[in-house]
N, C-alpha and C. Protein backbone atom coordinates (compact mmCIF):
# COMPACT_ATOMS: atom_id res chain seq x y z
N UNK A 1 -11.05 15.58 12.59
CA UNK A 1 -10.30 15.18 11.40
C UNK A 1 -8.80 15.18 11.68
N UNK A 2 -8.33 16.01 12.57
CA UNK A 2 -6.90 16.06 12.89
C UNK A 2 -6.40 14.71 13.40
N UNK A 3 -7.16 14.08 14.29
CA UNK A 3 -6.77 12.78 14.81
C UNK A 3 -6.67 11.76 13.67
N UNK A 4 -7.65 11.77 12.77
CA UNK A 4 -7.65 10.86 11.63
C UNK A 4 -6.39 11.06 10.78
N UNK A 5 -6.05 12.32 10.51
CA UNK A 5 -4.86 12.60 9.72
C UNK A 5 -3.60 12.11 10.42
N UNK A 6 -3.54 12.34 11.74
CA UNK A 6 -2.38 11.87 12.49
C UNK A 6 -2.29 10.35 12.43
N UNK A 7 -3.43 9.68 12.59
CA UNK A 7 -3.44 8.22 12.53
C UNK A 7 -3.01 7.73 11.15
N UNK A 8 -3.44 8.41 10.11
CA UNK A 8 -3.06 8.02 8.76
C UNK A 8 -1.55 8.19 8.56
N UNK A 9 -1.01 9.29 9.01
CA UNK A 9 0.43 9.51 8.89
C UNK A 9 1.20 8.44 9.65
N UNK A 10 0.76 8.15 10.87
CA UNK A 10 1.41 7.10 11.66
C UNK A 10 1.30 5.74 11.00
N UNK A 11 0.14 5.45 10.43
CA UNK A 11 -0.07 4.17 9.75
C UNK A 11 0.83 4.06 8.52
N UNK A 12 0.96 5.14 7.77
CA UNK A 12 1.83 5.12 6.60
C UNK A 12 3.28 4.89 7.00
N UNK A 13 3.72 5.51 8.07
CA UNK A 13 5.10 5.32 8.54
C UNK A 13 5.33 3.88 8.99
N UNK A 14 4.38 3.34 9.72
CA UNK A 14 4.50 1.95 10.18
C UNK A 14 4.43 0.99 9.00
N UNK A 15 3.56 1.27 8.05
CA UNK A 15 3.44 0.48 6.83
C UNK A 15 4.80 0.39 6.12
N UNK A 16 5.44 1.54 5.95
CA UNK A 16 6.73 1.55 5.26
C UNK A 16 7.80 0.80 6.05
N UNK A 17 7.79 0.94 7.35
CA UNK A 17 8.74 0.20 8.19
C UNK A 17 8.54 -1.30 8.00
N UNK A 18 7.30 -1.73 8.04
CA UNK A 18 7.00 -3.16 7.87
C UNK A 18 7.33 -3.66 6.47
N UNK A 19 7.05 -2.85 5.46
CA UNK A 19 7.44 -3.23 4.10
C UNK A 19 8.95 -3.45 4.02
N UNK A 20 9.69 -2.52 4.61
CA UNK A 20 11.15 -2.62 4.60
C UNK A 20 11.67 -3.86 5.29
N UNK A 21 10.90 -4.36 6.25
CA UNK A 21 11.28 -5.58 6.98
C UNK A 21 10.80 -6.85 6.28
N UNK A 22 10.03 -6.68 5.20
CA UNK A 22 9.48 -7.84 4.52
C UNK A 22 8.24 -8.39 5.20
N UNK A 23 7.65 -7.61 6.09
CA UNK A 23 6.44 -8.03 6.81
C UNK A 23 5.22 -7.49 6.06
N UNK A 24 4.97 -8.06 4.91
CA UNK A 24 3.95 -7.53 4.00
C UNK A 24 2.53 -7.69 4.54
N UNK A 25 2.24 -8.83 5.14
CA UNK A 25 0.91 -9.04 5.69
C UNK A 25 0.64 -8.04 6.81
N UNK A 26 1.62 -7.85 7.67
CA UNK A 26 1.47 -6.91 8.77
C UNK A 26 1.33 -5.48 8.26
N UNK A 27 2.06 -5.14 7.21
CA UNK A 27 1.95 -3.81 6.60
C UNK A 27 0.54 -3.60 6.08
N UNK A 28 0.01 -4.60 5.42
CA UNK A 28 -1.36 -4.55 4.91
C UNK A 28 -2.34 -4.32 6.06
N UNK A 29 -2.16 -5.04 7.16
CA UNK A 29 -3.07 -4.93 8.31
C UNK A 29 -3.06 -3.52 8.91
N UNK A 30 -1.87 -2.95 9.07
CA UNK A 30 -1.74 -1.61 9.66
C UNK A 30 -2.47 -0.57 8.81
N UNK A 31 -2.26 -0.64 7.52
CA UNK A 31 -2.87 0.36 6.64
C UNK A 31 -4.37 0.10 6.47
N UNK A 32 -4.76 -1.15 6.51
CA UNK A 32 -6.18 -1.46 6.39
C UNK A 32 -6.96 -0.88 7.57
N UNK A 33 -6.38 -0.93 8.75
CA UNK A 33 -7.03 -0.36 9.93
C UNK A 33 -7.26 1.14 9.76
N UNK A 34 -6.30 1.83 9.16
CA UNK A 34 -6.44 3.27 8.91
C UNK A 34 -7.40 3.54 7.75
N UNK A 35 -7.52 2.59 6.84
CA UNK A 35 -8.35 2.76 5.65
C UNK A 35 -9.85 2.73 5.95
N UNK A 36 -10.27 1.89 6.89
CA UNK A 36 -11.70 1.73 7.16
C UNK A 36 -12.41 3.06 7.44
N UNK A 37 -11.91 3.92 8.34
CA UNK A 37 -12.61 5.20 8.54
C UNK A 37 -12.54 6.11 7.30
N UNK A 38 -11.49 6.01 6.53
CA UNK A 38 -11.38 6.80 5.30
C UNK A 38 -12.45 6.37 4.30
N UNK A 39 -12.63 5.08 4.18
CA UNK A 39 -13.63 4.53 3.27
C UNK A 39 -15.02 4.96 3.70
N UNK A 40 -15.31 4.85 4.97
CA UNK A 40 -16.64 5.22 5.47
C UNK A 40 -16.92 6.71 5.29
N UNK A 41 -15.89 7.53 5.41
CA UNK A 41 -16.05 8.98 5.26
C UNK A 41 -15.92 9.42 3.80
N UNK A 42 -15.71 8.48 2.90
CA UNK A 42 -15.49 8.78 1.47
C UNK A 42 -14.37 9.81 1.29
N UNK A 43 -13.30 9.61 2.04
CA UNK A 43 -12.13 10.50 2.02
C UNK A 43 -11.44 10.44 0.65
N UNK A 44 -10.92 11.57 0.18
CA UNK A 44 -10.29 11.61 -1.16
C UNK A 44 -9.13 10.63 -1.35
N UNK A 45 -8.43 10.22 -0.28
CA UNK A 45 -7.29 9.32 -0.46
C UNK A 45 -7.64 7.85 -0.21
N UNK A 46 -8.92 7.55 -0.03
CA UNK A 46 -9.31 6.17 0.32
C UNK A 46 -8.83 5.16 -0.73
N UNK A 47 -8.92 5.49 -2.01
CA UNK A 47 -8.50 4.55 -3.05
C UNK A 47 -6.98 4.41 -3.13
N UNK A 48 -6.28 5.49 -2.89
CA UNK A 48 -4.82 5.42 -2.85
C UNK A 48 -4.37 4.51 -1.71
N UNK A 49 -4.99 4.65 -0.56
CA UNK A 49 -4.66 3.78 0.57
C UNK A 49 -4.99 2.33 0.23
N UNK A 50 -6.14 2.11 -0.38
CA UNK A 50 -6.52 0.75 -0.78
C UNK A 50 -5.49 0.17 -1.76
N UNK A 51 -5.02 0.99 -2.67
CA UNK A 51 -3.99 0.52 -3.60
C UNK A 51 -2.72 0.10 -2.90
N UNK A 52 -2.31 0.87 -1.91
CA UNK A 52 -1.10 0.51 -1.14
C UNK A 52 -1.31 -0.76 -0.34
N UNK A 53 -2.51 -0.93 0.21
CA UNK A 53 -2.84 -2.16 0.93
C UNK A 53 -2.66 -3.35 -0.01
N UNK A 54 -3.23 -3.23 -1.20
CA UNK A 54 -3.13 -4.33 -2.17
C UNK A 54 -1.71 -4.52 -2.68
N UNK A 55 -0.94 -3.44 -2.73
CA UNK A 55 0.47 -3.58 -3.08
C UNK A 55 1.19 -4.50 -2.11
N UNK A 56 0.96 -4.29 -0.83
CA UNK A 56 1.58 -5.15 0.19
C UNK A 56 1.10 -6.59 0.07
N UNK A 57 -0.19 -6.77 -0.19
CA UNK A 57 -0.75 -8.11 -0.34
C UNK A 57 -0.09 -8.86 -1.49
N UNK A 58 0.19 -8.15 -2.57
CA UNK A 58 0.80 -8.83 -3.72
C UNK A 58 2.16 -9.42 -3.35
N UNK A 59 2.92 -8.72 -2.52
CA UNK A 59 4.24 -9.24 -2.14
C UNK A 59 4.13 -10.34 -1.09
N UNK A 60 3.05 -10.33 -0.33
CA UNK A 60 2.80 -11.44 0.60
C UNK A 60 2.53 -12.72 -0.19
N UNK A 61 1.80 -12.61 -1.30
CA UNK A 61 1.58 -13.79 -2.15
C UNK A 61 2.91 -14.36 -2.63
N UNK A 62 3.81 -13.48 -3.05
CA UNK A 62 5.12 -13.95 -3.53
C UNK A 62 5.94 -14.55 -2.39
N UNK A 63 5.87 -13.93 -1.24
CA UNK A 63 6.62 -14.42 -0.08
C UNK A 63 6.17 -15.83 0.31
N UNK A 64 4.87 -16.06 0.28
CA UNK A 64 4.32 -17.37 0.66
C UNK A 64 4.54 -18.42 -0.42
N UNK A 65 4.74 -17.98 -1.66
CA UNK A 65 5.07 -18.86 -2.79
C UNK A 65 4.13 -20.05 -2.93
N UNK A 66 2.86 -19.77 -2.76
CA UNK A 66 1.86 -20.82 -2.95
C UNK A 66 1.55 -20.97 -4.43
N UNK A 67 0.71 -21.93 -4.74
CA UNK A 67 0.32 -22.18 -6.12
C UNK A 67 -0.22 -20.90 -6.75
N UNK A 68 0.23 -20.60 -7.94
CA UNK A 68 -0.18 -19.41 -8.71
C UNK A 68 0.14 -18.09 -8.00
N UNK A 69 1.17 -18.08 -7.20
CA UNK A 69 1.53 -16.87 -6.44
C UNK A 69 1.79 -15.68 -7.37
N UNK A 70 2.50 -15.89 -8.46
CA UNK A 70 2.81 -14.79 -9.38
C UNK A 70 1.53 -14.23 -10.01
N UNK A 71 0.63 -15.11 -10.42
CA UNK A 71 -0.63 -14.65 -11.00
C UNK A 71 -1.46 -13.87 -9.99
N UNK A 72 -1.52 -14.38 -8.76
CA UNK A 72 -2.26 -13.69 -7.71
C UNK A 72 -1.64 -12.33 -7.43
N UNK A 73 -0.33 -12.28 -7.39
CA UNK A 73 0.37 -11.01 -7.12
C UNK A 73 0.08 -9.99 -8.22
N UNK A 74 0.13 -10.43 -9.47
CA UNK A 74 -0.16 -9.51 -10.59
C UNK A 74 -1.60 -9.02 -10.55
N UNK A 75 -2.51 -9.89 -10.18
CA UNK A 75 -3.93 -9.51 -10.11
C UNK A 75 -4.15 -8.47 -9.01
N UNK A 76 -3.56 -8.68 -7.85
CA UNK A 76 -3.77 -7.79 -6.71
C UNK A 76 -3.07 -6.45 -6.90
N UNK A 77 -1.91 -6.45 -7.55
CA UNK A 77 -1.16 -5.20 -7.72
C UNK A 77 -1.91 -4.23 -8.64
N UNK A 78 -2.87 -4.73 -9.40
CA UNK A 78 -3.63 -3.88 -10.32
C UNK A 78 -4.31 -2.72 -9.60
N UNK A 79 -4.77 -2.95 -8.38
CA UNK A 79 -5.41 -1.87 -7.59
C UNK A 79 -4.39 -0.78 -7.28
N UNK A 80 -3.20 -1.18 -6.91
CA UNK A 80 -2.13 -0.19 -6.66
C UNK A 80 -1.85 0.59 -7.94
N UNK A 81 -1.71 -0.12 -9.04
CA UNK A 81 -1.39 0.53 -10.32
C UNK A 81 -2.46 1.54 -10.72
N UNK A 82 -3.70 1.22 -10.44
CA UNK A 82 -4.83 2.08 -10.79
C UNK A 82 -4.81 3.39 -9.99
N UNK A 83 -4.35 3.35 -8.75
CA UNK A 83 -4.47 4.52 -7.88
C UNK A 83 -3.16 5.21 -7.52
N UNK A 84 -2.02 4.67 -7.89
CA UNK A 84 -0.74 5.25 -7.46
C UNK A 84 -0.54 6.69 -7.92
N UNK A 85 -1.12 7.07 -9.04
CA UNK A 85 -0.96 8.45 -9.54
C UNK A 85 -1.62 9.47 -8.61
N UNK A 86 -2.46 9.01 -7.71
CA UNK A 86 -3.10 9.91 -6.76
C UNK A 86 -2.11 10.47 -5.74
N UNK A 87 -0.94 9.89 -5.65
CA UNK A 87 0.07 10.33 -4.69
C UNK A 87 0.76 11.59 -5.23
N UNK A 88 -0.03 12.62 -5.40
CA UNK A 88 0.48 13.88 -5.94
C UNK A 88 0.66 14.91 -4.83
N UNK A 89 1.22 16.04 -5.17
CA UNK A 89 1.51 17.08 -4.19
C UNK A 89 0.27 17.64 -3.51
N UNK A 90 -0.88 17.50 -4.12
CA UNK A 90 -2.08 18.14 -3.57
C UNK A 90 -2.88 17.25 -2.62
N UNK A 91 -2.40 16.05 -2.27
CA UNK A 91 -3.10 15.22 -1.29
C UNK A 91 -2.44 15.34 0.08
N UNK A 92 -3.24 15.11 1.10
CA UNK A 92 -2.69 15.12 2.45
C UNK A 92 -1.59 14.06 2.55
N UNK A 93 -0.55 14.36 3.27
CA UNK A 93 0.56 13.43 3.50
C UNK A 93 1.21 12.98 2.18
N UNK A 94 1.26 13.89 1.22
CA UNK A 94 1.76 13.54 -0.11
C UNK A 94 3.17 12.94 -0.07
N UNK A 95 4.03 13.48 0.77
CA UNK A 95 5.40 12.96 0.83
C UNK A 95 5.40 11.51 1.34
N UNK A 96 4.61 11.22 2.35
CA UNK A 96 4.54 9.85 2.86
C UNK A 96 3.95 8.92 1.81
N UNK A 97 2.93 9.37 1.11
CA UNK A 97 2.34 8.54 0.06
C UNK A 97 3.35 8.27 -1.05
N UNK A 98 4.09 9.29 -1.46
CA UNK A 98 5.09 9.10 -2.52
C UNK A 98 6.19 8.14 -2.07
N UNK A 99 6.59 8.25 -0.80
CA UNK A 99 7.62 7.34 -0.27
C UNK A 99 7.10 5.90 -0.26
N UNK A 100 5.85 5.72 0.14
CA UNK A 100 5.26 4.37 0.16
C UNK A 100 5.17 3.81 -1.26
N UNK A 101 4.77 4.64 -2.20
CA UNK A 101 4.70 4.19 -3.60
C UNK A 101 6.08 3.82 -4.13
N UNK A 102 7.08 4.59 -3.75
CA UNK A 102 8.45 4.27 -4.19
C UNK A 102 8.88 2.91 -3.65
N UNK A 103 8.49 2.62 -2.42
CA UNK A 103 8.84 1.31 -1.84
C UNK A 103 8.17 0.18 -2.63
N UNK A 104 6.91 0.39 -3.01
CA UNK A 104 6.22 -0.63 -3.81
C UNK A 104 6.91 -0.76 -5.18
N UNK A 105 7.26 0.36 -5.78
CA UNK A 105 7.96 0.31 -7.08
C UNK A 105 9.30 -0.41 -6.95
N UNK A 106 10.03 -0.16 -5.87
CA UNK A 106 11.31 -0.85 -5.65
C UNK A 106 11.11 -2.35 -5.49
N UNK A 107 10.04 -2.73 -4.78
CA UNK A 107 9.75 -4.16 -4.63
C UNK A 107 9.36 -4.78 -5.96
N UNK A 108 8.61 -4.05 -6.76
CA UNK A 108 8.27 -4.53 -8.10
C UNK A 108 9.54 -4.78 -8.92
N UNK A 109 10.47 -3.84 -8.85
CA UNK A 109 11.72 -3.98 -9.59
C UNK A 109 12.52 -5.19 -9.09
N UNK A 110 12.46 -5.43 -7.80
CA UNK A 110 13.14 -6.58 -7.21
C UNK A 110 12.55 -7.89 -7.73
N UNK A 111 11.27 -7.85 -8.07
CA UNK A 111 10.56 -9.03 -8.58
C UNK A 111 10.16 -8.83 -10.03
N UNK A 112 11.10 -8.31 -10.82
CA UNK A 112 10.77 -7.97 -12.21
C UNK A 112 10.35 -9.18 -13.03
N UNK A 113 10.71 -10.38 -12.60
CA UNK A 113 10.28 -11.58 -13.32
C UNK A 113 8.76 -11.79 -13.19
N UNK A 114 8.15 -11.15 -12.20
CA UNK A 114 6.70 -11.27 -11.98
C UNK A 114 5.97 -10.07 -12.58
N UNK A 115 6.53 -8.88 -12.37
CA UNK A 115 5.88 -7.65 -12.80
C UNK A 115 6.54 -7.08 -14.02
């Protein structure tokens, strides 16, 4: 389990770096790779991680600006909204999760016309 936790922490750090660079698809990919073993193990943070993955996807929709991008972004961000409260002090890597959620919230504020 230690290796899994280390991988999750590393994935969260890389996710935040990529979000900061505007590389939303890549951020989604990094966290999704860490999410698969969490999902299979029914880990307590699996849904929080899934929410962050979908948070990144929503901004990729806006970045690509395809037809109905705003609607798609709002639909996908719902998963993040549903699970973001899980980023509490009692979860593993709580500080990293809270930092990642803050980045998503900041991006939402930047796109307040959509969210």
